N, C-alpha and C. Protein backbone atom coordinates (compact mmCIF):
# COMPACT_ATOMS: atom_id res chain seq x y z
N UNK A 1 -56.56 -48.06 65.74
CA UNK A 1 -56.70 -47.03 64.72
C UNK A 1 -56.10 -45.69 65.15
N UNK A 2 -55.94 -45.50 66.45
CA UNK A 2 -55.36 -44.24 66.92
C UNK A 2 -53.90 -44.13 66.47
N UNK A 3 -53.18 -45.23 66.49
CA UNK A 3 -51.78 -45.21 66.06
C UNK A 3 -51.68 -44.77 64.60
N UNK A 4 -52.58 -45.29 63.77
CA UNK A 4 -52.57 -44.93 62.36
C UNK A 4 -52.86 -43.44 62.18
N UNK A 5 -53.81 -42.92 62.95
CA UNK A 5 -54.14 -41.50 62.86
C UNK A 5 -52.95 -40.64 63.26
N UNK A 6 -52.26 -41.01 64.31
CA UNK A 6 -51.08 -40.25 64.73
C UNK A 6 -49.98 -40.31 63.67
N UNK A 7 -49.79 -41.48 63.05
CA UNK A 7 -48.81 -41.60 61.98
C UNK A 7 -49.22 -40.77 60.77
N UNK A 8 -50.52 -40.73 60.50
CA UNK A 8 -51.03 -39.94 59.39
C UNK A 8 -50.80 -38.45 59.65
N UNK A 9 -51.07 -38.00 60.86
CA UNK A 9 -50.81 -36.60 61.22
C UNK A 9 -49.33 -36.27 61.01
N UNK A 10 -48.47 -37.17 61.43
CA UNK A 10 -47.03 -36.97 61.26
C UNK A 10 -46.64 -36.93 59.79
N UNK A 11 -47.21 -37.81 59.00
CA UNK A 11 -46.94 -37.84 57.57
C UNK A 11 -47.32 -36.52 56.91
N UNK A 12 -48.49 -36.01 57.24
CA UNK A 12 -48.94 -34.76 56.63
C UNK A 12 -48.04 -33.59 57.06
N UNK A 13 -47.70 -33.53 58.33
CA UNK A 13 -46.89 -32.41 58.81
C UNK A 13 -45.45 -32.50 58.33
N UNK A 14 -44.85 -33.66 58.44
CA UNK A 14 -43.42 -33.79 58.17
C UNK A 14 -43.08 -34.01 56.70
N UNK A 15 -43.98 -34.62 55.95
CA UNK A 15 -43.65 -34.98 54.58
C UNK A 15 -44.50 -34.28 53.52
N UNK A 16 -45.76 -34.05 53.81
CA UNK A 16 -46.64 -33.39 52.83
C UNK A 16 -46.46 -31.88 52.94
N UNK A 17 -46.81 -31.27 54.03
CA UNK A 17 -46.56 -29.88 54.44
C UNK A 17 -46.54 -28.85 53.29
N UNK A 18 -47.66 -28.67 52.60
CA UNK A 18 -47.66 -27.76 51.45
C UNK A 18 -47.43 -26.28 51.80
N UNK A 19 -47.66 -25.90 53.04
CA UNK A 19 -47.45 -24.48 53.39
C UNK A 19 -46.17 -24.26 54.18
N UNK A 20 -45.41 -25.32 54.43
CA UNK A 20 -44.10 -25.18 55.04
C UNK A 20 -44.10 -24.78 56.50
N UNK A 21 -44.88 -25.46 57.32
CA UNK A 21 -44.94 -25.11 58.73
C UNK A 21 -44.29 -26.14 59.65
N UNK A 22 -43.60 -27.10 59.10
CA UNK A 22 -43.05 -28.19 59.91
C UNK A 22 -42.15 -27.68 61.03
N UNK A 23 -41.46 -26.59 60.85
CA UNK A 23 -40.54 -26.07 61.86
C UNK A 23 -41.18 -25.03 62.78
N UNK A 24 -42.47 -24.83 62.67
CA UNK A 24 -43.18 -23.87 63.51
C UNK A 24 -43.93 -24.65 64.59
N UNK A 25 -43.42 -24.60 65.81
CA UNK A 25 -43.99 -25.39 66.91
C UNK A 25 -45.48 -25.14 67.10
N UNK A 26 -45.89 -23.89 66.96
CA UNK A 26 -47.29 -23.52 67.16
C UNK A 26 -48.21 -24.10 66.09
N UNK A 27 -47.64 -24.58 64.99
CA UNK A 27 -48.44 -25.09 63.88
C UNK A 27 -48.42 -26.62 63.82
N UNK A 28 -48.03 -27.26 64.89
CA UNK A 28 -47.93 -28.72 64.89
C UNK A 28 -49.25 -29.41 64.56
N UNK A 29 -50.37 -28.73 64.81
CA UNK A 29 -51.69 -29.32 64.53
C UNK A 29 -52.32 -28.75 63.25
N UNK A 30 -51.55 -28.08 62.44
CA UNK A 30 -52.05 -27.38 61.26
C UNK A 30 -52.86 -28.28 60.32
N UNK A 31 -52.45 -29.52 60.16
CA UNK A 31 -53.11 -30.41 59.20
C UNK A 31 -53.99 -31.47 59.86
N UNK A 32 -54.24 -31.33 61.16
CA UNK A 32 -54.99 -32.36 61.88
C UNK A 32 -56.40 -32.56 61.34
N UNK A 33 -57.07 -31.50 60.94
CA UNK A 33 -58.44 -31.67 60.43
C UNK A 33 -58.43 -32.46 59.12
N UNK A 34 -57.42 -32.24 58.29
CA UNK A 34 -57.29 -33.02 57.06
C UNK A 34 -56.95 -34.47 57.38
N UNK A 35 -56.11 -34.67 58.39
CA UNK A 35 -55.76 -36.03 58.81
C UNK A 35 -56.99 -36.77 59.32
N UNK A 36 -57.84 -36.10 60.07
CA UNK A 36 -59.06 -36.74 60.58
C UNK A 36 -59.99 -37.14 59.43
N UNK A 37 -60.12 -36.27 58.45
CA UNK A 37 -60.95 -36.60 57.29
C UNK A 37 -60.34 -37.78 56.53
N UNK A 38 -59.04 -37.74 56.32
CA UNK A 38 -58.36 -38.84 55.63
C UNK A 38 -58.47 -40.14 56.42
N UNK A 39 -58.40 -40.04 57.73
CA UNK A 39 -58.54 -41.22 58.58
C UNK A 39 -59.89 -41.90 58.32
N UNK A 40 -60.93 -41.10 58.25
CA UNK A 40 -62.26 -41.65 57.95
C UNK A 40 -62.28 -42.30 56.57
N UNK A 41 -61.69 -41.63 55.60
CA UNK A 41 -61.63 -42.18 54.25
C UNK A 41 -60.88 -43.51 54.24
N UNK A 42 -59.74 -43.53 54.91
CA UNK A 42 -58.86 -44.70 54.88
C UNK A 42 -59.45 -45.87 55.66
N UNK A 43 -60.11 -45.61 56.77
CA UNK A 43 -60.73 -46.71 57.50
C UNK A 43 -61.91 -47.29 56.73
N UNK A 44 -62.47 -46.50 55.82
CA UNK A 44 -63.56 -46.98 54.96
C UNK A 44 -63.03 -47.70 53.73
N UNK A 45 -61.70 -47.73 53.57
CA UNK A 45 -61.11 -48.48 52.47
C UNK A 45 -60.95 -47.73 51.17
N UNK A 46 -60.84 -46.42 51.24
CA UNK A 46 -60.69 -45.63 50.02
C UNK A 46 -59.38 -45.96 49.29
N UNK A 47 -59.31 -45.59 48.05
CA UNK A 47 -58.13 -45.86 47.23
C UNK A 47 -57.09 -44.75 47.38
N UNK A 48 -55.85 -45.09 47.00
CA UNK A 48 -54.81 -44.07 47.03
C UNK A 48 -55.12 -42.95 46.03
N UNK A 49 -55.78 -43.28 44.94
CA UNK A 49 -56.16 -42.25 43.96
C UNK A 49 -57.13 -41.25 44.59
N UNK A 50 -58.11 -41.74 45.34
CA UNK A 50 -59.06 -40.84 46.00
C UNK A 50 -58.36 -39.98 47.05
N UNK A 51 -57.41 -40.56 47.76
CA UNK A 51 -56.64 -39.79 48.75
C UNK A 51 -55.83 -38.71 48.05
N UNK A 52 -55.16 -39.07 46.96
CA UNK A 52 -54.37 -38.09 46.21
C UNK A 52 -55.25 -36.95 45.69
N UNK A 53 -56.41 -37.28 45.20
CA UNK A 53 -57.34 -36.25 44.70
C UNK A 53 -57.79 -35.34 45.84
N UNK A 54 -58.06 -35.92 47.00
CA UNK A 54 -58.45 -35.10 48.15
C UNK A 54 -57.31 -34.16 48.55
N UNK A 55 -56.09 -34.70 48.65
CA UNK A 55 -54.95 -33.86 49.01
C UNK A 55 -54.75 -32.75 47.98
N UNK A 56 -54.90 -33.07 46.72
CA UNK A 56 -54.76 -32.06 45.67
C UNK A 56 -55.85 -30.99 45.79
N UNK A 57 -57.06 -31.42 46.10
CA UNK A 57 -58.17 -30.48 46.31
C UNK A 57 -57.87 -29.56 47.50
N UNK A 58 -57.35 -30.13 48.58
CA UNK A 58 -57.01 -29.32 49.74
C UNK A 58 -56.01 -28.23 49.35
N UNK A 59 -54.97 -28.62 48.65
CA UNK A 59 -53.92 -27.67 48.27
C UNK A 59 -54.45 -26.60 47.32
N UNK A 60 -55.20 -27.02 46.31
CA UNK A 60 -55.62 -26.07 45.28
C UNK A 60 -56.87 -25.28 45.66
N UNK A 61 -57.85 -25.93 46.24
CA UNK A 61 -59.12 -25.24 46.54
C UNK A 61 -59.14 -24.61 47.93
N UNK A 62 -58.61 -25.29 48.92
CA UNK A 62 -58.66 -24.77 50.28
C UNK A 62 -57.50 -23.81 50.59
N UNK A 63 -56.32 -24.15 50.08
CA UNK A 63 -55.14 -23.34 50.37
C UNK A 63 -54.81 -22.37 49.26
N UNK A 64 -55.46 -22.52 48.14
CA UNK A 64 -55.26 -21.67 46.97
C UNK A 64 -53.79 -21.64 46.52
N UNK A 65 -53.18 -22.84 46.51
CA UNK A 65 -51.81 -22.99 46.07
C UNK A 65 -51.79 -23.83 44.80
N UNK A 66 -50.64 -23.89 44.17
CA UNK A 66 -50.47 -24.75 43.01
C UNK A 66 -50.29 -26.18 43.49
N UNK A 67 -51.09 -27.08 42.96
CA UNK A 67 -51.01 -28.47 43.38
C UNK A 67 -49.85 -29.20 42.73
N UNK A 68 -49.48 -30.30 43.33
CA UNK A 68 -48.46 -31.18 42.80
C UNK A 68 -49.02 -32.59 42.90
N UNK A 69 -49.75 -33.00 41.86
CA UNK A 69 -50.46 -34.26 41.91
C UNK A 69 -49.51 -35.44 42.11
N UNK A 70 -48.33 -35.39 41.51
CA UNK A 70 -47.37 -36.48 41.69
C UNK A 70 -46.96 -36.60 43.16
N UNK A 71 -46.70 -35.49 43.79
CA UNK A 71 -46.34 -35.49 45.21
C UNK A 71 -47.51 -35.99 46.06
N UNK A 72 -48.71 -35.52 45.72
CA UNK A 72 -49.88 -35.96 46.46
C UNK A 72 -50.13 -37.45 46.29
N UNK A 73 -49.83 -37.99 45.13
CA UNK A 73 -49.96 -39.44 44.91
C UNK A 73 -48.97 -40.20 45.79
N UNK A 74 -47.75 -39.70 45.89
CA UNK A 74 -46.75 -40.35 46.74
C UNK A 74 -47.20 -40.37 48.19
N UNK A 75 -47.67 -39.24 48.69
CA UNK A 75 -48.15 -39.16 50.07
C UNK A 75 -49.37 -40.05 50.24
N UNK A 76 -50.26 -40.09 49.26
CA UNK A 76 -51.46 -40.93 49.33
C UNK A 76 -51.09 -42.40 49.44
N UNK A 77 -50.14 -42.84 48.68
CA UNK A 77 -49.71 -44.24 48.74
C UNK A 77 -49.15 -44.57 50.12
N UNK A 78 -48.39 -43.67 50.67
CA UNK A 78 -47.85 -43.88 52.00
C UNK A 78 -48.95 -43.88 53.05
N UNK A 79 -49.94 -43.01 52.87
CA UNK A 79 -51.06 -42.97 53.81
C UNK A 79 -51.86 -44.27 53.77
N UNK A 80 -52.14 -44.76 52.58
CA UNK A 80 -52.88 -46.01 52.44
C UNK A 80 -52.10 -47.16 53.09
N UNK A 81 -50.80 -47.15 52.92
CA UNK A 81 -49.96 -48.20 53.49
C UNK A 81 -50.06 -48.25 55.01
N UNK A 82 -50.31 -47.11 55.65
CA UNK A 82 -50.46 -47.08 57.10
C UNK A 82 -51.68 -47.88 57.56
N UNK A 83 -52.66 -48.02 56.69
CA UNK A 83 -53.93 -48.65 57.05
C UNK A 83 -54.09 -50.06 56.50
N UNK A 84 -53.06 -50.56 55.86
CA UNK A 84 -53.12 -51.93 55.34
C UNK A 84 -52.87 -52.88 56.49
N UNK A 85 -53.79 -53.77 56.67
CA UNK A 85 -53.69 -54.75 57.75
C UNK A 85 -52.94 -55.98 57.27
N UNK A 86 -52.08 -56.50 58.14
CA UNK A 86 -51.35 -57.72 57.81
C UNK A 86 -51.69 -58.84 58.78
N UNK A 87 -52.84 -58.76 59.46
CA UNK A 87 -53.21 -59.80 60.42
C UNK A 87 -54.02 -60.84 59.77
C-alpha cells in the first residue's frame, strides 16, 4: 500500500495541483495530507465519485478556489485505478 500512497502523492502534485506548486521544490509535500486522507478512503473501497467530491471540497472549501468537477473526476478515476487489485 505504500507504493500506491506514493503514486497518489505524485498524482496530486504533478497532475491535480490546484494551486500550481509543482515547480516549487519546497512545496513537494503540499498535498500529502490530502493524499493520506484519500489513501484511507481508497483502501476502504470508496468510489471515484466520492473521491471527486472530496477533491472538489478541498479546492472549494479548504483552498477557497473555483472548483473544476470534471477535472476532479478525471483525477479521481486515476486515483481509484491505483488501488485496483489485479491479483
